[in-house]
């Protein structure tokens, strides 16, 4: 009963930017879809670029997570020549 939960780690800048780009892409896509008769093709390209940028940031977050995980692992023993 007395166990305390550990607080979650703070958000990294890459996580914040992923959330920002993903939400911008969603809003942009919704707006272009709603006004599709007046939207130019460049707006569809811009929404696609926002989605790809969000995917790039998500991959960066995953790499940061893995690198911090590997930093916690014990070092491999060095083999010495005999």
Protein backbone atom coordinates (compact mmCIF):
# COMPACT_ATOMS: atom_id res chain seq x y z
CA UNK A 1 0.00 0.00 0.00
CA UNK A 2 2.86 2.37 0.69
CA UNK A 3 4.51 2.03 -2.71
CA UNK A 4 5.09 5.32 -4.44
CA UNK A 5 4.89 5.53 -8.19
CA UNK A 6 7.85 7.11 -9.90
CA UNK A 7 7.02 10.30 -11.78
CA UNK A 8 7.25 10.11 -15.56
CA UNK A 9 10.41 11.56 -17.11
CA UNK A 10 10.15 15.09 -18.51
CA UNK A 11 9.31 15.44 -22.19
CA UNK A 12 12.23 15.85 -24.55
CA UNK A 13 12.25 18.61 -27.18
CA UNK A 14 11.82 15.96 -29.89
CA UNK A 15 8.66 14.66 -28.19
CA UNK A 16 7.24 18.17 -27.92
CA UNK A 17 8.03 18.93 -31.57
CA UNK A 18 6.50 15.60 -32.65
CA UNK A 19 3.26 16.51 -30.89
CA UNK A 20 3.35 19.99 -32.44
CA UNK A 21 3.97 18.76 -36.00
CA UNK A 22 1.43 15.93 -35.70
CA UNK A 23 -1.26 18.30 -34.49
CA UNK A 24 -0.39 20.87 -37.19
CA UNK A 25 -0.59 18.16 -39.85
CA UNK A 26 -3.96 17.02 -38.54
CA UNK A 27 -5.38 20.56 -38.45
CA UNK A 28 -3.93 21.38 -41.87
CA UNK A 29 -5.34 18.16 -43.40
CA UNK A 30 -8.77 18.80 -41.88
CA UNK A 31 -8.81 22.37 -43.18
CA UNK A 32 -7.70 21.34 -46.69
CA UNK A 33 -10.29 18.55 -46.77
CA UNK A 34 -13.03 20.94 -45.65
CA UNK A 35 -12.11 23.52 -48.30
CA UNK A 36 -11.01 21.03 -50.94
CA UNK A 37 -12.74 22.82 -53.83
CA UNK A 38 -10.56 25.89 -53.15
CA UNK A 39 -7.37 24.09 -52.05
CA UNK A 40 -4.40 23.99 -54.36
CA UNK A 41 -2.24 20.89 -54.69
CA UNK A 42 0.60 22.56 -52.84
CA UNK A 43 -1.49 22.47 -49.65
CA UNK A 44 -1.79 18.70 -49.90
CA UNK A 45 1.98 18.53 -50.36
CA UNK A 46 2.49 20.74 -47.29
CA UNK A 47 0.28 18.48 -45.17
CA UNK A 48 2.23 15.45 -46.38
CA UNK A 49 5.52 17.14 -45.51
CA UNK A 50 4.22 17.88 -42.00
CA UNK A 51 3.29 14.21 -41.57
CA UNK A 52 6.75 13.06 -42.73
CA UNK A 53 8.43 15.57 -40.41
CA UNK A 54 6.35 14.20 -37.52
CA UNK A 55 7.45 10.66 -38.43
CA UNK A 56 11.08 11.82 -38.51
CA UNK A 57 10.74 13.33 -35.04
CA UNK A 58 9.06 10.15 -33.78
CA UNK A 59 12.03 8.14 -35.05
CA UNK A 60 14.39 10.56 -33.32
CA UNK A 61 12.53 10.06 -30.04
CA UNK A 62 12.84 6.29 -30.45
CA UNK A 63 16.60 6.63 -31.06
CA UNK A 64 16.99 8.79 -27.96
CA UNK A 65 15.07 6.20 -25.95
CA UNK A 66 17.24 3.37 -27.23
CA UNK A 67 20.50 5.24 -26.66
CA UNK A 68 19.53 6.02 -23.07
CA UNK A 69 18.55 2.37 -22.60
CA UNK A 70 21.91 1.19 -23.92
CA UNK A 71 23.67 3.60 -21.58
CA UNK A 72 22.09 1.77 -18.63
CA UNK A 73 23.34 -1.65 -19.77
CA UNK A 74 26.54 -2.96 -18.22
CA UNK A 75 29.65 -2.71 -20.37
CA UNK A 76 30.81 -5.80 -22.22
CA UNK A 77 33.82 -7.48 -20.68
CA UNK A 78 36.99 -6.84 -22.66
CA UNK A 79 38.73 -9.92 -23.97
CA UNK A 80 42.44 -9.83 -23.30
CA UNK A 81 44.85 -11.70 -25.56
CA UNK A 82 46.64 -14.58 -23.87
